[in-house]
PDB file of N, CA and C in Angstrom:
ATOM      1  N   MET A   1      14.818   8.562 -43.247  1.00  0.00           N
ATOM      2  CA  MET A   1      14.320   7.625 -42.277  1.00  0.00           C
ATOM      3  C   MET A   1      13.376   6.602 -42.884  1.00  0.00           C
ATOM      4  N   SER A   2      12.838   6.868 -44.038  1.00  0.00           N
ATOM      5  CA  SER A   2      11.861   5.948 -44.605  1.00  0.00           C
ATOM      6  C   SER A   2      12.503   4.685 -45.166  1.00  0.00           C
ATOM      7  N   ASP A   3      13.837   4.702 -45.476  1.00  0.00           N
ATOM      8  CA  ASP A   3      14.457   3.507 -46.022  1.00  0.00           C
ATOM      9  C   ASP A   3      14.860   2.508 -44.945  1.00  0.00           C
ATOM     10  N   LEU A   4      14.623   2.796 -43.681  1.00  0.00           N
ATOM     11  CA  LEU A   4      14.921   1.841 -42.624  1.00  0.00           C
ATOM     12  C   LEU A   4      13.751   0.861 -42.501  1.00  0.00           C
ATOM     13  N   SER A   5      14.084  -0.406 -42.449  1.00  0.00           N
ATOM     14  CA  SER A   5      13.020  -1.399 -42.296  1.00  0.00           C
ATOM     15  C   SER A   5      12.631  -1.510 -40.830  1.00  0.00           C
ATOM     16  N   SER A   6      11.460  -2.039 -40.589  1.00  0.00           N
ATOM     17  CA  SER A   6      11.013  -2.195 -39.209  1.00  0.00           C
ATOM     18  C   SER A   6      11.866  -3.250 -38.514  1.00  0.00           C
ATOM     19  N   PRO A   7      12.151  -3.096 -37.232  1.00  0.00           N
ATOM     20  CA  PRO A   7      13.058  -4.024 -36.554  1.00  0.00           C
ATOM     21  C   PRO A   7      12.517  -5.437 -36.414  1.00  0.00           C
ATOM     22  N   THR A   8      11.221  -5.629 -36.467  1.00  0.00           N
ATOM     23  CA  THR A   8      10.674  -6.975 -36.289  1.00  0.00           C
ATOM     24  C   THR A   8      10.390  -7.672 -37.606  1.00  0.00           C
ATOM     25  N   SER A   9      10.604  -6.999 -38.726  1.00  0.00           N
ATOM     26  CA  SER A   9      10.221  -7.605 -39.989  1.00  0.00           C
ATOM     27  C   SER A   9      11.062  -8.831 -40.326  1.00  0.00           C
ATOM     28  N   LYS A  10      12.373  -8.749 -40.177  1.00  0.00           N
ATOM     29  CA  LYS A  10      13.218  -9.876 -40.546  1.00  0.00           C
ATOM     30  C   LYS A  10      13.401 -10.846 -39.384  1.00  0.00           C
ATOM     31  N   SER A  11      13.785 -10.346 -38.233  1.00  0.00           N
ATOM     32  CA  SER A  11      14.068 -11.245 -37.117  1.00  0.00           C
ATOM     33  C   SER A  11      12.795 -11.875 -36.561  1.00  0.00           C
ATOM     34  N   GLY A  12      11.730 -11.143 -36.507  1.00  0.00           N
ATOM     35  CA  GLY A  12      10.481 -11.683 -35.984  1.00  0.00           C
ATOM     36  C   GLY A  12       9.900 -12.762 -36.861  1.00  0.00           C
ATOM     37  N   SER A  13       9.998 -12.583 -38.146  1.00  0.00           N
ATOM     38  CA  SER A  13       9.440 -13.596 -39.042  1.00  0.00           C
ATOM     39  C   SER A  13      10.287 -14.861 -39.037  1.00  0.00           C
ATOM     40  N   SER A  14      11.593 -14.731 -38.935  1.00  0.00           N
ATOM     41  CA  SER A  14      12.427 -15.928 -38.908  1.00  0.00           C
ATOM     42  C   SER A  14      12.239 -16.699 -37.603  1.00  0.00           C
ATOM     43  N   LEU A  15      12.057 -15.990 -36.498  1.00  0.00           N
ATOM     44  CA  LEU A  15      11.808 -16.669 -35.223  1.00  0.00           C
ATOM     45  C   LEU A  15      10.469 -17.380 -35.245  1.00  0.00           C
ATOM     46  N   ARG A  16       9.463 -16.769 -35.835  1.00  0.00           N
ATOM     47  CA  ARG A  16       8.166 -17.425 -35.964  1.00  0.00           C
ATOM     48  C   ARG A  16       8.266 -18.666 -36.848  1.00  0.00           C
ATOM     49  N   THR A  17       9.064 -18.599 -37.888  1.00  0.00           N
ATOM     50  CA  THR A  17       9.252 -19.751 -38.768  1.00  0.00           C
ATOM     51  C   THR A  17       9.920 -20.897 -38.026  1.00  0.00           C
ATOM     52  N   ILE A  18      10.935 -20.581 -37.243  1.00  0.00           N
ATOM     53  CA  ILE A  18      11.633 -21.613 -36.480  1.00  0.00           C
ATOM     54  C   ILE A  18      10.695 -22.242 -35.467  1.00  0.00           C
ATOM     55  N   LEU A  19       9.955 -21.434 -34.732  1.00  0.00           N
ATOM     56  CA  LEU A  19       9.047 -21.967 -33.721  1.00  0.00           C
ATOM     57  C   LEU A  19       7.908 -22.763 -34.351  1.00  0.00           C
ATOM     58  N   LYS A  20       7.499 -22.386 -35.562  1.00  0.00           N
ATOM     59  CA  LYS A  20       6.433 -23.120 -36.244  1.00  0.00           C
ATOM     60  C   LYS A  20       6.918 -24.506 -36.675  1.00  0.00           C
ATOM     61  N   HIS A  21       8.174 -24.599 -37.113  1.00  0.00           N
ATOM     62  CA  HIS A  21       8.710 -25.872 -37.586  1.00  0.00           C
ATOM     63  C   HIS A  21       9.259 -26.738 -36.469  1.00  0.00           C
ATOM     64  N   LEU A  22       9.451 -26.172 -35.280  1.00  0.00           N
ATOM     65  CA  LEU A  22      10.000 -26.950 -34.176  1.00  0.00           C
ATOM     66  C   LEU A  22       8.982 -27.995 -33.745  1.00  0.00           C
ATOM     67  N   ASN A  23       9.408 -29.223 -33.748  1.00  0.00           N
ATOM     68  CA  ASN A  23       8.508 -30.345 -33.486  1.00  0.00           C
ATOM     69  C   ASN A  23       8.767 -30.852 -32.071  1.00  0.00           C
ATOM     70  N   GLU A  24       7.765 -30.777 -31.205  1.00  0.00           N
ATOM     71  CA  GLU A  24       7.963 -31.197 -29.811  1.00  0.00           C
ATOM     72  C   GLU A  24       8.074 -32.707 -29.677  1.00  0.00           C
ATOM     73  N   GLU A  25       7.649 -33.469 -30.672  1.00  0.00           N
ATOM     74  CA  GLU A  25       7.786 -34.918 -30.617  1.00  0.00           C
ATOM     75  C   GLU A  25       9.246 -35.355 -30.677  1.00  0.00           C
ATOM     76  N   VAL A  26      10.104 -34.530 -31.261  1.00  0.00           N
ATOM     77  CA  VAL A  26      11.529 -34.861 -31.325  1.00  0.00           C
ATOM     78  C   VAL A  26      12.104 -34.892 -29.919  1.00  0.00           C
ATOM     79  N   PHE A  27      11.680 -33.976 -29.066  1.00  0.00           N
ATOM     80  CA  PHE A  27      12.151 -33.961 -27.687  1.00  0.00           C
ATOM     81  C   PHE A  27      11.661 -35.190 -26.922  1.00  0.00           C
ATOM     82  N   LEU A  28      10.439 -35.623 -27.206  1.00  0.00           N
ATOM     83  CA  LEU A  28       9.894 -36.806 -26.534  1.00  0.00           C
ATOM     84  C   LEU A  28      10.511 -38.102 -27.046  1.00  0.00           C
ATOM     85  N   ASP A  29      10.956 -38.103 -28.288  1.00  0.00           N
ATOM     86  CA  ASP A  29      11.574 -39.300 -28.850  1.00  0.00           C
ATOM     87  C   ASP A  29      12.979 -39.539 -28.318  1.00  0.00           C
ATOM     88  N   HIS A  30      13.633 -38.506 -27.823  1.00  0.00           N
ATOM     89  CA  HIS A  30      15.006 -38.606 -27.314  1.00  0.00           C
ATOM     90  C   HIS A  30      15.066 -38.065 -25.883  1.00  0.00           C
ATOM     91  N   PRO A  31      14.578 -38.821 -24.904  1.00  0.00           N
ATOM     92  CA  PRO A  31      14.502 -38.282 -23.537  1.00  0.00           C
ATOM     93  C   PRO A  31      15.867 -38.046 -22.890  1.00  0.00           C
ATOM     94  N   LEU A  32      16.861 -38.879 -23.184  1.00  0.00           N
ATOM     95  CA  LEU A  32      18.185 -38.678 -22.595  1.00  0.00           C
ATOM     96  C   LEU A  32      18.828 -37.395 -23.113  1.00  0.00           C
ATOM     97  N   LEU A  33      18.734 -37.168 -24.414  1.00  0.00           N
ATOM     98  CA  LEU A  33      19.312 -35.954 -24.983  1.00  0.00           C
ATOM     99  C   LEU A  33      18.541 -34.710 -24.543  1.00  0.00           C
ATOM    100  N   THR A  34      17.236 -34.850 -24.360  1.00  0.00           N
ATOM    101  CA  THR A  34      16.450 -33.725 -23.878  1.00  0.00           C
ATOM    102  C   THR A  34      16.851 -33.354 -22.454  1.00  0.00           C
ATOM    103  N   SER A  35      17.051 -34.352 -21.608  1.00  0.00           N
ATOM    104  CA  SER A  35      17.469 -34.049 -20.237  1.00  0.00           C
ATOM    105  C   SER A  35      18.874 -33.459 -20.208  1.00  0.00           C
ATOM    106  N   LEU A  36      19.756 -33.937 -21.086  1.00  0.00           N
ATOM    107  CA  LEU A  36      21.093 -33.332 -21.179  1.00  0.00           C
ATOM    108  C   LEU A  36      21.010 -31.879 -21.631  1.00  0.00           C
ATOM    109  N   PHE A  37      20.125 -31.597 -22.583  1.00  0.00           N
ATOM    110  CA  PHE A  37      19.946 -30.232 -23.080  1.00  0.00           C
ATOM    111  C   PHE A  37      19.458 -29.312 -21.971  1.00  0.00           C
ATOM    112  N   VAL A  38      18.456 -29.747 -21.222  1.00  0.00           N
ATOM    113  CA  VAL A  38      17.897 -28.930 -20.146  1.00  0.00           C
ATOM    114  C   VAL A  38      18.924 -28.741 -19.026  1.00  0.00           C
ATOM    115  N   THR A  39      19.639 -29.802 -18.668  1.00  0.00           N
ATOM    116  CA  THR A  39      20.655 -29.710 -17.618  1.00  0.00           C
ATOM    117  C   THR A  39      21.800 -28.813 -18.044  1.00  0.00           C
ATOM    118  N   ASP A  40      22.233 -28.945 -19.277  1.00  0.00           N
ATOM    119  CA  ASP A  40      23.314 -28.115 -19.795  1.00  0.00           C
ATOM    120  C   ASP A  40      22.912 -26.643 -19.796  1.00  0.00           C
ATOM    121  N   PHE A  41      21.692 -26.367 -20.231  1.00  0.00           N
ATOM    122  CA  PHE A  41      21.208 -24.990 -20.240  1.00  0.00           C
ATOM    123  C   PHE A  41      21.133 -24.424 -18.819  1.00  0.00           C
ATOM    124  N   ALA A  42      20.660 -25.230 -17.886  1.00  0.00           N
ATOM    125  CA  ALA A  42      20.555 -24.772 -16.500  1.00  0.00           C
ATOM    126  C   ALA A  42      21.931 -24.525 -15.887  1.00  0.00           C
ATOM    127  N   LEU A  43      22.876 -25.399 -16.155  1.00  0.00           N
ATOM    128  CA  LEU A  43      24.230 -25.200 -15.623  1.00  0.00           C
ATOM    129  C   LEU A  43      24.874 -23.944 -16.185  1.00  0.00           C
ATOM    130  N   LEU A  44      24.671 -23.704 -17.473  1.00  0.00           N
ATOM    131  CA  LEU A  44      25.242 -22.491 -18.062  1.00  0.00           C
ATOM    132  C   LEU A  44      24.534 -21.234 -17.575  1.00  0.00           C
ATOM    133  N   SER A  45      23.248 -21.353 -17.277  1.00  0.00           N
ATOM    134  CA  SER A  45      22.495 -20.176 -16.840  1.00  0.00           C
ATOM    135  C   SER A  45      22.749 -19.829 -15.379  1.00  0.00           C
ATOM    136  N   PHE A  46      22.794 -20.846 -14.524  1.00  0.00           N
ATOM    137  CA  PHE A  46      22.836 -20.580 -13.090  1.00  0.00           C
ATOM    138  C   PHE A  46      24.103 -21.054 -12.391  1.00  0.00           C
ATOM    139  N   GLY A  47      24.934 -21.831 -13.072  1.00  0.00           N
ATOM    140  CA  GLY A  47      26.130 -22.378 -12.440  1.00  0.00           C
ATOM    141  C   GLY A  47      27.306 -21.422 -12.488  1.00  0.00           C
ATOM    142  N   ARG A  48      28.314 -21.756 -11.702  1.00  0.00           N
ATOM    143  CA  ARG A  48      29.546 -20.965 -11.687  1.00  0.00           C
ATOM    144  C   ARG A  48      30.734 -21.900 -11.908  1.00  0.00           C
ATOM    145  N   GLU A  49      30.768 -22.515 -13.085  1.00  0.00           N
ATOM    146  CA  GLU A  49      31.828 -23.440 -13.425  1.00  0.00           C
ATOM    147  C   GLU A  49      33.070 -22.676 -13.880  1.00  0.00           C
ATOM    148  N   PRO A  50      34.210 -23.356 -13.867  1.00  0.00           N
ATOM    149  CA  PRO A  50      35.418 -22.734 -14.427  1.00  0.00           C
ATOM    150  C   PRO A  50      35.237 -22.453 -15.926  1.00  0.00           C
ATOM    151  N   LEU A  51      36.045 -21.563 -16.444  1.00  0.00           N
ATOM    152  CA  LEU A  51      35.895 -21.099 -17.817  1.00  0.00           C
ATOM    153  C   LEU A  51      36.051 -22.226 -18.836  1.00  0.00           C
ATOM    154  N   VAL A  52      36.997 -23.109 -18.620  1.00  0.00           N
ATOM    155  CA  VAL A  52      37.216 -24.209 -19.572  1.00  0.00           C
ATOM    156  C   VAL A  52      35.989 -25.128 -19.607  1.00  0.00           C
ATOM    157  N   LEU A  53      35.415 -25.421 -18.456  1.00  0.00           N
ATOM    158  CA  LEU A  53      34.223 -26.257 -18.415  1.00  0.00           C
ATOM    159  C   LEU A  53      33.046 -25.564 -19.085  1.00  0.00           C
ATOM    160  N   ARG A  54      32.961 -24.260 -18.955  1.00  0.00           N
ATOM    161  CA  ARG A  54      31.885 -23.509 -19.617  1.00  0.00           C
ATOM    162  C   ARG A  54      31.980 -23.628 -21.130  1.00  0.00           C
ATOM    163  N   PHE A  55      33.191 -23.633 -21.671  1.00  0.00           N
ATOM    164  CA  PHE A  55      33.356 -23.794 -23.116  1.00  0.00           C
ATOM    165  C   PHE A  55      32.863 -25.165 -23.569  1.00  0.00           C
ATOM    166  N   PHE A  56      33.171 -26.207 -22.807  1.00  0.00           N
ATOM    167  CA  PHE A  56      32.685 -27.545 -23.151  1.00  0.00           C
ATOM    168  C   PHE A  56      31.169 -27.630 -23.030  1.00  0.00           C
ATOM    169  N   LEU A  57      30.602 -27.014 -22.003  1.00  0.00           N
ATOM    170  CA  LEU A  57      29.149 -27.013 -21.847  1.00  0.00           C
ATOM    171  C   LEU A  57      28.476 -26.240 -22.976  1.00  0.00           C
ATOM    172  N   LEU A  58      29.068 -25.133 -23.370  1.00  0.00           N
ATOM    173  CA  LEU A  58      28.514 -24.347 -24.469  1.00  0.00           C
ATOM    174  C   LEU A  58      28.590 -25.118 -25.777  1.00  0.00           C
ATOM    175  N   ALA A  59      29.695 -25.821 -26.004  1.00  0.00           N
ATOM    176  CA  ALA A  59      29.815 -26.640 -27.212  1.00  0.00           C
ATOM    177  C   ALA A  59      28.770 -27.753 -27.214  1.00  0.00           C
ATOM    178  N   GLY A  60      28.532 -28.360 -26.059  1.00  0.00           N
ATOM    179  CA  GLY A  60      27.499 -29.390 -25.963  1.00  0.00           C
ATOM    180  C   GLY A  60      26.111 -28.827 -26.198  1.00  0.00           C
ATOM    181  N   LEU A  61      25.856 -27.645 -25.690  1.00  0.00           N
ATOM    182  CA  LEU A  61      24.554 -27.014 -25.879  1.00  0.00           C
ATOM    183  C   LEU A  61      24.317 -26.676 -27.349  1.00  0.00           C
ATOM    184  N   VAL A  62      25.332 -26.178 -28.019  1.00  0.00           N
ATOM    185  CA  VAL A  62      25.206 -25.875 -29.448  1.00  0.00           C
ATOM    186  C   VAL A  62      24.973 -27.159 -30.242  1.00  0.00           C
ATOM    187  N   TYR A  63      25.720 -28.218 -29.902  1.00  0.00           N
ATOM    188  CA  TYR A  63      25.545 -29.492 -30.590  1.00  0.00           C
ATOM    189  C   TYR A  63      24.123 -30.022 -30.414  1.00  0.00           C
ATOM    190  N   LEU A  64      23.615 -30.004 -29.188  1.00  0.00           N
ATOM    191  CA  LEU A  64      22.266 -30.520 -28.944  1.00  0.00           C
ATOM    192  C   LEU A  64      21.204 -29.663 -29.619  1.00  0.00           C
ATOM    193  N   ALA A  65      21.401 -28.349 -29.632  1.00  0.00           N
ATOM    194  CA  ALA A  65      20.446 -27.471 -30.305  1.00  0.00           C
ATOM    195  C   ALA A  65      20.429 -27.745 -31.809  1.00  0.00           C
ATOM    196  N   MET A  66      21.598 -27.956 -32.397  1.00  0.00           N
ATOM    197  CA  MET A  66      21.652 -28.273 -33.826  1.00  0.00           C
ATOM    198  C   MET A  66      21.042 -29.648 -34.100  1.00  0.00           C
ATOM    199  N   PHE A  67      21.265 -30.603 -33.207  1.00  0.00           N
ATOM    200  CA  PHE A  67      20.692 -31.935 -33.371  1.00  0.00           C
ATOM    201  C   PHE A  67      19.167 -31.875 -33.355  1.00  0.00           C
ATOM    202  N   PHE A  68      18.609 -31.187 -32.351  1.00  0.00           N
ATOM    203  CA  PHE A  68      17.156 -31.126 -32.245  1.00  0.00           C
ATOM    204  C   PHE A  68      16.532 -30.341 -33.391  1.00  0.00           C
ATOM    205  N   SER A  69      17.181 -29.283 -33.828  1.00  0.00           N
ATOM    206  CA  SER A  69      16.606 -28.528 -34.943  1.00  0.00           C
ATOM    207  C   SER A  69      16.692 -29.325 -36.243  1.00  0.00           C
ATOM    208  N   ALA A  70      17.789 -30.052 -36.455  1.00  0.00           N
ATOM    209  CA  ALA A  70      17.902 -30.868 -37.665  1.00  0.00           C
ATOM    210  C   ALA A  70      16.868 -31.984 -37.664  1.00  0.00           C
ATOM    211  N   LYS A  71      16.683 -32.646 -36.533  1.00  0.00           N
ATOM    212  CA  LYS A  71      15.679 -33.706 -36.440  1.00  0.00           C
ATOM    213  C   LYS A  71      14.273 -33.144 -36.626  1.00  0.00           C
ATOM    214  N   SER A  72      14.030 -31.979 -36.065  1.00  0.00           N
ATOM    215  CA  SER A  72      12.704 -31.381 -36.155  1.00  0.00           C
ATOM    216  C   SER A  72      12.382 -30.971 -37.594  1.00  0.00           C
ATOM    217  N   PHE A  73      13.326 -30.329 -38.264  1.00  0.00           N
ATOM    218  CA  PHE A  73      13.080 -29.914 -39.632  1.00  0.00           C
ATOM    219  C   PHE A  73      13.039 -31.108 -40.576  1.00  0.00           C
ATOM    220  N   ALA A  74      13.826 -32.146 -40.309  1.00  0.00           N
ATOM    221  CA  ALA A  74      13.802 -33.340 -41.157  1.00  0.00           C
ATOM    222  C   ALA A  74      12.482 -34.081 -41.022  1.00  0.00           C
ATOM    223  N   SER A  75      11.981 -34.201 -39.796  1.00  0.00           N
ATOM    224  CA  SER A  75      10.700 -34.886 -39.615  1.00  0.00           C
ATOM    225  C   SER A  75       9.561 -34.074 -40.195  1.00  0.00           C
ATOM    226  N   ASP A  76       9.681 -32.747 -40.174  1.00  0.00           N
ATOM    227  CA  ASP A  76       8.650 -31.898 -40.752  1.00  0.00           C
ATOM    228  C   ASP A  76       8.626 -32.044 -42.274  1.00  0.00           C
ATOM    229  N   SER A  77       9.778 -32.111 -42.906  1.00  0.00           N
ATOM    230  CA  SER A  77       9.812 -32.245 -44.361  1.00  0.00           C
ATOM    231  C   SER A  77       9.376 -33.636 -44.790  1.00  0.00           C
ATOM    232  N   GLN A  78       9.647 -34.669 -43.979  1.00  0.00           N
ATOM    233  CA  GLN A  78       9.204 -36.018 -44.319  1.00  0.00           C
ATOM    234  C   GLN A  78       7.697 -36.142 -44.200  1.00  0.00           C
ATOM    235  N   SER A  79       7.101 -35.458 -43.220  1.00  0.00           N
ATOM    236  CA  SER A  79       5.640 -35.528 -43.084  1.00  0.00           C
ATOM    237  C   SER A  79       4.954 -34.791 -44.239  1.00  0.00           C
ATOM    238  N   GLU A  80       5.593 -33.741 -44.767  1.00  0.00           N
ATOM    239  CA  GLU A  80       5.016 -33.049 -45.922  1.00  0.00           C
ATOM    240  C   GLU A  80       5.082 -33.917 -47.173  1.00  0.00           C
ATOM    241  N   LYS A  81       6.148 -34.735 -47.297  1.00  0.00           N
ATOM    242  CA  LYS A  81       6.296 -35.584 -48.475  1.00  0.00           C
ATOM    243  C   LYS A  81       5.282 -36.728 -48.462  1.00  0.00           C
ATOM    244  N   ARG A  82       4.874 -37.177 -47.276  1.00  0.00           N
ATOM    245  CA  ARG A  82       3.935 -38.295 -47.179  1.00  0.00           C
ATOM    246  C   ARG A  82       2.555 -37.908 -47.680  1.00  0.00           C
ATOM    247  N   PHE A  83       2.163 -36.661 -47.518  1.00  0.00           N
ATOM    248  CA  PHE A  83       0.799 -36.249 -47.883  1.00  0.00           C
ATOM    249  C   PHE A  83       0.722 -35.719 -49.275  1.00  0.00           C
TER     250      PHE A  83
END
């Protein structure tokens, strides 16, 4: 039992890293995409759309999540290079 790692060691640290690098200014810089992200998430969470529409909504949600994370990490690395 001693060779098992703690369950929060890997996943908890990576989630903290992501949340630390997530830049809230990226959401404010793109208000239309932010509203699409929130609406898409709400529709997938609480809506009862047909299955085909759910696949398109899920693809849009993944695209927007990747867009915001790429913009957030890119702006974070550019601010580190400036100083």
